[in-house]
Amino acid sequence: MSDPQITIDLGDRSYPIHIGAGMLGHLPELLTRAGFTGRLMLVTNPVIAELYGNRLLGMLRTAGFDPELILVPEGEAYKSLVTAGHLYEGLSKKHAERGTPIIALGGGVIGDLAGFVASTYQRGVPFIQVPTTLLAQVDSSIGGKVAVNVGRLKNMAGAFYQPKMVVTDISTLTTLPLEELHNGLAEVIKSAIIADPELFAFLETDVSRILNREPEALSFIVEHSAVVKARIVEQDERDEGVRNLLNLGHTFGHAIETITKFEMKHGAAVAVGIAAAARLSRRLGLLPVEDYDRVTKVIADAGLPITFNVNRPGAFVEAMGHDKKKIAGKLKFILPAGIGSVILRDDIDPNLAVEALT
């Protein structure tokens, strides 16, 4: 098979991102080429196991591997320290050793949870991301951020732990519920606003092709989004500078998730956050009105919300205060300055930010 479209250059932590239709069928070969043999731990949820996991187990066995399946419950509520504890126990019972790789097959919850466990089980075991949702394929599987929620606090326990590879099969998007396709588009829109005007223009003209799941359209948005994230991560692996820009919409979005007790999906919350950031930027005179109109229109055309009603502004400000980008008590807001351009501000009155949600 051909070389990967994208390689993240991080020195001795560099890794490939393989993107294409039917990539699951190439996973055994890719693992062999990377030097893996024998035991593997495949972590997924029951829904993904039924759709893809059991078939993948068969392919791995045929290729000479000895895979074990470990199931975790589906949903954001289970991205927790409790579930991580159960996963540690499962790995131990199946005699996973320090060199035994963990394969995360699923969406962002599976990738974050399995990656967090991989980073800490026996002080670190190899980890492979096999994302099956659009959100995971364009964002969470790339860059090495792994985490679990602590109570209602999003991603509060985590690490930077790079996978050995990312294997992205866009064919899995054909079975993705429509709501999840919409949610993933929020992260695609984010990438386009940050650094890819060509991708943004494609979203403006071809969102119907994406929602109809045309393979060429899906490949285009996944590859472009992955490149945006990869190039930024290469500059700032540990989120100490330019990588902060990838959090466009997330200061608002994570607070929305907290306030709604994760009832609002991550992608929808980020979409509101992007619209709020654009609205705030427009009101501050940083974003031209025509670009603001383009941003909010592309979000709405993707079937995502652009406003959020806050009943208790003080509680929302408090929720934003848990943001991990905060330094010396100052919240960081990523604001669009144009299509393909964003800026970081840490001098925004949080109350003005709350007002920008509507």
Protein backbone atom coordinates (compact mmCIF):
# COMPACT_ATOMS: atom_id res chain seq x y z
CA MET A 1 0.00 0.00 0.00
CA SER A 2 1.06 3.61 -0.49
CA ASP A 3 2.80 5.77 2.08
CA PRO A 4 0.62 7.77 4.47
CA GLN A 5 -0.72 11.11 3.31
CA ILE A 6 0.43 12.81 6.51
CA THR A 7 3.30 12.35 8.94
CA ILE A 8 3.47 14.27 12.22
CA ASP A 9 7.12 15.19 12.74
CA LEU A 10 7.88 15.09 16.47
CA GLY A 11 11.36 13.63 16.44
CA ASP A 12 11.41 10.21 18.08
CA ARG A 13 7.64 10.51 18.71
CA SER A 14 6.79 11.04 15.03
CA TYR A 15 4.01 8.93 13.55
CA PRO A 16 1.98 8.45 10.37
CA ILE A 17 -1.68 9.18 9.72
CA HIS A 18 -3.12 6.78 7.16
CA ILE A 19 -6.38 8.05 5.62
CA GLY A 20 -8.60 6.35 3.07
CA ALA A 21 -11.58 4.16 2.36
CA GLY A 22 -11.10 0.57 3.53
CA MET A 23 -8.13 1.34 5.80
CA LEU A 24 -9.39 -1.08 8.47
CA GLY A 25 -8.51 -3.90 6.11
CA HIS A 26 -4.92 -2.64 6.00
CA LEU A 27 -4.49 -2.42 9.78
CA PRO A 28 -2.84 -5.85 10.19
CA GLU A 29 -0.29 -4.98 7.50
CA LEU A 30 0.37 -1.57 9.03
CA LEU A 31 0.91 -3.11 12.46
CA THR A 32 3.32 -5.66 11.02
CA ARG A 33 5.26 -2.96 9.16
CA ALA A 34 5.52 -1.00 12.43
CA GLY A 35 7.11 -4.03 14.12
CA PHE A 36 4.18 -5.24 16.22
CA THR A 37 3.65 -8.97 16.70
CA GLY A 38 1.63 -11.27 18.93
CA ARG A 39 -0.64 -9.85 21.62
CA LEU A 40 -2.89 -6.83 21.03
CA MET A 41 -5.60 -5.24 23.16
CA LEU A 42 -8.54 -3.92 21.14
CA VAL A 43 -10.58 -1.41 23.17
CA THR A 44 -13.99 -0.39 21.85
CA ASN A 45 -17.65 -0.16 22.83
CA PRO A 46 -20.40 -2.72 22.08
CA VAL A 47 -21.85 -0.76 19.15
CA ILE A 48 -18.49 -0.38 17.35
CA ALA A 49 -17.60 -3.99 18.19
CA GLU A 50 -20.70 -5.16 16.37
CA LEU A 51 -20.09 -2.90 13.37
CA TYR A 52 -16.33 -3.32 12.97
CA GLY A 53 -14.59 -4.83 15.98
CA ASN A 54 -15.47 -8.48 15.50
CA ARG A 55 -14.48 -8.37 11.82
CA LEU A 56 -11.22 -6.66 12.75
CA LEU A 57 -10.47 -9.35 15.34
CA GLY A 58 -10.83 -11.96 12.61
CA MET A 59 -8.48 -10.10 10.26
CA LEU A 60 -5.90 -9.69 13.01
CA ARG A 61 -6.02 -13.40 13.87
CA THR A 62 -5.69 -14.35 10.21
CA ALA A 63 -2.58 -12.15 10.05
CA GLY A 64 -1.02 -14.02 12.98
CA PHE A 65 -1.82 -11.64 15.83
CA ASP A 66 -3.32 -12.66 19.16
CA PRO A 67 -5.91 -9.93 19.83
CA GLU A 68 -8.07 -9.57 22.93
CA LEU A 69 -11.28 -7.55 22.97
CA ILE A 70 -12.06 -5.23 25.89
CA LEU A 71 -15.44 -3.49 25.87
CA VAL A 72 -16.23 -0.24 27.65
CA PRO A 73 -19.66 1.41 27.82
CA GLU A 74 -20.69 3.92 25.19
CA GLY A 75 -20.99 7.63 25.94
CA GLU A 76 -19.25 10.67 27.41
CA ALA A 77 -20.48 9.79 30.91
CA TYR A 78 -18.13 6.78 30.87
CA LYS A 79 -15.01 8.78 30.00
CA SER A 80 -14.13 8.69 33.67
CA LEU A 81 -11.58 7.53 36.20
CA VAL A 82 -14.00 4.76 37.21
CA THR A 83 -14.08 3.37 33.66
CA ALA A 84 -10.32 3.79 33.41
CA GLY A 85 -10.02 1.67 36.57
CA HIS A 86 -12.13 -1.08 35.00
CA LEU A 87 -9.95 -0.91 31.89
CA TYR A 88 -6.75 -1.27 33.96
CA GLU A 89 -8.26 -4.36 35.58
CA GLY A 90 -9.25 -5.79 32.20
CA LEU A 91 -5.74 -5.30 30.81
CA SER A 92 -4.23 -6.95 33.86
CA LYS A 93 -6.58 -9.94 33.71
CA LYS A 94 -5.68 -10.43 30.05
CA HIS A 95 -1.97 -10.25 30.97
CA ALA A 96 -1.16 -7.14 28.96
CA GLU A 97 2.53 -6.33 29.32
CA ARG A 98 4.53 -3.14 28.83
CA GLY A 99 5.05 -3.90 25.14
CA THR A 100 1.45 -4.92 24.46
CA PRO A 101 -0.18 -2.29 22.24
CA ILE A 102 -3.65 -0.90 22.90
CA ILE A 103 -5.76 -0.23 19.82
CA ALA A 104 -8.50 2.37 20.35
CA LEU A 105 -11.32 1.61 17.90
CA GLY A 106 -14.09 4.19 18.10
CA GLY A 107 -14.82 7.86 18.56
CA GLY A 108 -13.34 10.53 20.77
CA VAL A 109 -14.46 8.95 24.04
CA ILE A 110 -12.77 5.64 23.23
CA GLY A 111 -9.61 7.32 21.95
CA ASP A 112 -9.30 9.66 24.93
CA LEU A 113 -10.03 6.92 27.47
CA ALA A 114 -7.87 4.21 25.92
CA GLY A 115 -5.06 6.71 25.34
CA PHE A 116 -5.18 7.87 28.96
CA VAL A 117 -5.00 4.28 30.15
CA ALA A 118 -2.19 3.50 27.68
CA SER A 119 -0.20 6.46 28.99
CA THR A 120 -0.38 5.20 32.57
CA TYR A 121 -0.74 1.40 32.49
CA GLN A 122 2.65 0.00 33.57
CA ARG A 123 3.97 3.56 33.02
CA GLY A 124 3.08 3.52 29.35
CA VAL A 125 2.28 1.00 26.61
CA PRO A 126 2.10 1.48 22.83
CA PHE A 127 -1.12 3.03 21.57
CA ILE A 128 -2.79 3.05 18.13
CA GLN A 129 -5.69 5.30 17.21
CA VAL A 130 -8.34 3.89 14.85
CA PRO A 131 -11.00 6.62 14.82
CA THR A 132 -14.47 5.78 13.51
CA THR A 133 -16.30 9.12 13.93
CA LEU A 134 -15.75 12.31 11.98
CA LEU A 135 -14.90 14.25 15.13
CA ALA A 136 -12.22 11.74 16.09
CA GLN A 137 -10.84 11.48 12.56
CA VAL A 138 -10.34 15.21 12.13
CA ASP A 139 -9.39 16.17 15.66
CA SER A 140 -9.21 14.05 18.79
CA SER A 141 -7.18 11.14 17.38
CA ILE A 142 -4.38 13.52 16.32
CA GLY A 143 -1.90 15.24 18.58
CA GLY A 144 -1.56 13.04 21.65
CA LYS A 145 -3.99 14.68 24.06
CA VAL A 146 -5.54 11.91 26.15
CA ALA A 147 -7.80 12.46 29.13
CA VAL A 148 -10.79 11.53 31.23
CA ASN A 149 -13.41 13.75 32.83
CA VAL A 150 -13.48 14.20 36.60
CA GLY A 151 -17.07 14.64 37.67
CA ARG A 152 -18.44 17.44 35.49
CA LEU A 153 -14.98 18.83 34.70
CA LYS A 154 -14.03 18.12 31.10
CA ASN A 155 -10.67 16.38 30.45
CA MET A 156 -9.38 17.36 33.88
CA ALA A 157 -7.10 14.30 34.27
CA GLY A 158 -4.91 13.70 31.26
CA ALA A 159 -1.55 13.56 29.56
CA PHE A 160 0.27 14.23 26.31
CA TYR A 161 0.88 10.76 24.91
CA GLN A 162 1.36 10.31 21.19
CA PRO A 163 0.01 7.25 19.38
CA LYS A 164 2.29 5.09 17.30
CA MET A 165 0.01 5.64 14.31
CA VAL A 166 -3.45 6.82 13.34
CA VAL A 167 -5.42 4.65 10.93
CA THR A 168 -8.46 6.50 9.57
CA ASP A 169 -11.01 4.59 7.50
CA ILE A 170 -13.50 7.07 6.09
CA SER A 171 -15.78 4.15 5.21
CA THR A 172 -16.77 3.99 8.87
CA LEU A 173 -18.54 7.33 8.40
CA THR A 174 -21.23 5.57 6.35
CA THR A 175 -22.63 4.01 9.54
CA LEU A 176 -22.22 7.15 11.66
CA PRO A 177 -25.52 8.57 12.97
CA LEU A 178 -26.37 11.86 11.24
CA GLU A 179 -26.15 13.78 14.53
CA GLU A 180 -22.55 12.59 14.95
CA LEU A 181 -21.71 13.64 11.40
CA HIS A 182 -23.00 17.13 12.22
CA ASN A 183 -20.95 17.14 15.44
CA GLY A 184 -17.75 16.26 13.61
CA LEU A 185 -18.31 19.08 11.17
CA ALA A 186 -17.86 21.57 14.02
CA GLU A 187 -14.21 20.57 14.29
CA VAL A 188 -13.80 20.73 10.50
CA ILE A 189 -15.21 24.28 10.52
CA LYS A 190 -12.82 25.13 13.35
CA SER A 191 -9.81 23.92 11.34
CA ALA A 192 -10.94 25.88 8.29
CA ILE A 193 -11.32 29.14 10.21
CA ILE A 194 -7.95 28.73 11.90
CA ALA A 195 -5.77 28.01 8.91
CA ASP A 196 -7.45 26.74 5.73
CA PRO A 197 -9.52 29.14 3.58
CA GLU A 198 -9.72 26.49 0.83
CA LEU A 199 -11.40 24.09 3.25
CA PHE A 200 -13.77 26.83 4.40
CA ALA A 201 -14.77 27.58 0.79
CA PHE A 202 -15.41 23.88 0.25
CA LEU A 203 -17.68 23.79 3.29
CA GLU A 204 -19.61 26.78 1.94
CA THR A 205 -20.28 25.16 -1.42
CA ASP A 206 -20.23 21.40 -0.80
CA VAL A 207 -21.71 20.71 2.65
CA SER A 208 -24.53 18.75 1.00
CA ARG A 209 -21.97 16.37 -0.50
CA ILE A 210 -20.48 15.86 2.95
CA LEU A 211 -23.88 15.20 4.53
CA ASN A 212 -24.62 12.78 1.68
CA ARG A 213 -21.34 11.06 2.63
CA GLU A 214 -19.74 11.22 -0.78
CA PRO A 215 -16.31 9.55 -0.36
CA GLU A 216 -14.38 12.25 -2.21
CA ALA A 217 -15.93 14.99 -0.07
CA LEU A 218 -15.26 13.09 3.15
CA SER A 219 -11.64 12.44 2.16
CA PHE A 220 -11.16 16.12 1.35
CA ILE A 221 -12.37 17.43 4.71
CA VAL A 222 -10.64 14.72 6.76
CA GLU A 223 -7.28 15.18 5.04
CA HIS A 224 -7.38 18.98 5.13
CA SER A 225 -8.41 19.06 8.80
CA ALA A 226 -5.75 16.53 9.74
CA VAL A 227 -3.06 18.58 8.01
CA VAL A 228 -4.10 21.75 9.87
CA LYS A 229 -3.87 20.00 13.22
CA ALA A 230 -0.68 18.09 12.40
CA ARG A 231 1.23 21.19 11.35
CA ILE A 232 0.22 23.09 14.49
CA VAL A 233 1.02 20.16 16.80
CA GLU A 234 4.47 19.90 15.20
CA GLN A 235 5.15 23.48 16.30
CA ASP A 236 3.78 23.12 19.83
CA GLU A 237 3.27 19.55 21.00
CA ARG A 238 2.46 20.40 24.62
CA ASP A 239 -0.03 23.22 24.05
CA GLU A 240 2.18 26.00 25.42
CA GLY A 241 1.79 28.46 22.56
CA VAL A 242 0.44 28.24 19.02
CA ARG A 243 -1.47 25.00 19.75
CA ASN A 244 -3.81 27.10 21.91
CA LEU A 245 -5.29 28.29 18.61
CA LEU A 246 -6.80 24.83 18.08
CA ASN A 247 -9.09 25.60 21.01
CA LEU A 248 -11.21 28.00 18.96
CA GLY A 249 -14.72 27.60 20.36
CA HIS A 250 -13.63 25.33 23.19
CA THR A 251 -13.51 27.81 26.10
CA PHE A 252 -17.21 28.36 25.47
CA GLY A 253 -17.86 24.78 24.37
CA HIS A 254 -16.44 23.02 27.42
CA ALA A 255 -18.40 25.37 29.70
CA ILE A 256 -21.59 24.53 27.78
CA GLU A 257 -20.88 20.82 28.21
CA THR A 258 -20.35 21.36 31.94
CA ILE A 259 -23.51 23.44 32.36
CA THR A 260 -25.62 20.92 30.44
CA LYS A 261 -24.01 17.96 32.24
CA PHE A 262 -22.78 16.73 28.84
CA GLU A 263 -26.33 16.54 27.46
CA MET A 264 -25.20 18.79 24.60
CA LYS A 265 -22.81 16.93 22.32
CA HIS A 266 -19.22 18.15 22.11
CA GLY A 267 -19.49 19.16 18.46
CA ALA A 268 -22.67 21.15 19.00
CA ALA A 269 -21.14 22.90 22.01
CA VAL A 270 -18.00 23.76 20.03
CA ALA A 271 -20.16 25.07 17.16
CA VAL A 272 -21.90 27.44 19.55
CA GLY A 273 -18.48 28.38 20.92
CA ILE A 274 -17.13 29.18 17.46
CA ALA A 275 -20.17 31.33 16.69
CA ALA A 276 -19.83 33.08 20.06
CA ALA A 277 -16.13 33.73 19.46
CA ALA A 278 -16.96 35.18 16.04
CA ARG A 279 -19.74 37.31 17.54
CA LEU A 280 -17.40 38.58 20.27
CA SER A 281 -14.69 39.29 17.72
CA ARG A 282 -17.12 41.21 15.52
CA ARG A 283 -18.32 43.29 18.48
CA LEU A 284 -14.71 44.10 19.36
CA GLY A 285 -14.08 45.25 15.79
CA LEU A 286 -11.63 42.44 15.06
CA LEU A 287 -13.69 40.41 12.57
CA PRO A 288 -15.24 41.98 9.47
CA VAL A 289 -19.03 41.70 9.35
CA GLU A 290 -18.95 39.79 6.07
CA ASP A 291 -16.64 37.15 7.57
CA TYR A 292 -18.86 36.90 10.65
CA ASP A 293 -21.84 36.26 8.37
CA ARG A 294 -19.90 33.56 6.49
CA VAL A 295 -18.90 31.84 9.75
CA THR A 296 -22.38 31.72 11.23
CA LYS A 297 -23.90 30.65 7.91
CA VAL A 298 -21.52 27.76 7.41
CA ILE A 299 -22.20 26.55 10.97
CA ALA A 300 -25.96 26.73 10.45
CA ASP A 301 -25.72 25.06 7.03
CA ALA A 302 -23.87 22.19 8.72
CA GLY A 303 -26.91 21.64 10.93
CA LEU A 304 -25.30 23.02 14.07
CA PRO A 305 -26.47 25.61 16.63
CA ILE A 306 -25.07 29.13 16.77
CA THR A 307 -26.57 30.39 20.06
CA PHE A 308 -26.98 29.18 23.64
CA ASN A 309 -29.28 30.70 26.27
CA VAL A 310 -27.57 31.15 29.63
CA ASN A 311 -29.94 31.17 32.58
CA ARG A 312 -27.25 31.78 35.19
CA PRO A 313 -24.41 33.91 33.81
CA GLY A 314 -22.39 33.60 37.02
CA ALA A 315 -22.45 29.81 36.82
CA PHE A 316 -21.33 29.96 33.20
CA VAL A 317 -18.41 32.24 34.04
CA GLU A 318 -17.45 29.83 36.82
CA ALA A 319 -17.59 26.91 34.36
CA MET A 320 -15.33 28.78 31.94
CA GLY A 321 -12.96 29.36 34.84
CA HIS A 322 -12.06 25.66 34.86
CA ASP A 323 -10.51 26.02 31.40
CA LYS A 324 -7.02 24.47 31.36
CA LYS A 325 -5.63 27.28 29.18
CA LYS A 326 -6.17 29.80 31.98
CA ILE A 327 -2.94 31.33 33.29
CA ALA A 328 -2.68 33.60 36.36
CA GLY A 329 -6.45 33.70 36.56
CA LYS A 330 -6.85 35.02 33.00
CA LEU A 331 -9.07 33.20 30.53
CA LYS A 332 -7.75 32.79 27.01
CA PHE A 333 -10.17 33.32 24.14
CA ILE A 334 -9.32 32.36 20.57
CA LEU A 335 -11.06 34.84 18.27
CA PRO A 336 -11.42 34.73 14.48
CA ALA A 337 -9.81 37.68 12.72
CA GLY A 338 -10.78 36.46 9.25
CA ILE A 339 -11.21 33.22 7.33
CA GLY A 340 -7.94 31.40 7.95
CA SER A 341 -6.78 33.70 10.73
CA VAL A 342 -7.29 33.68 14.49
CA ILE A 343 -5.82 35.56 17.43
CA LEU A 344 -5.48 34.85 21.14
CA ARG A 345 -6.76 37.34 23.71
CA ASP A 346 -6.50 37.14 27.50
CA ASP A 347 -8.00 40.54 28.30
CA ILE A 348 -11.68 39.79 27.62
CA ASP A 349 -14.27 40.51 30.31
CA PRO A 350 -15.93 37.09 30.91
CA ASN A 351 -19.31 38.80 31.13
CA LEU A 352 -18.87 40.14 27.59
CA ALA A 353 -18.04 36.60 26.52
CA VAL A 354 -21.27 35.27 28.03
CA GLU A 355 -23.25 37.98 26.23
CA ALA A 356 -21.72 36.79 22.94
CA LEU A 357 -23.53 33.45 23.24
CA THR A 358 -26.70 35.05 21.85
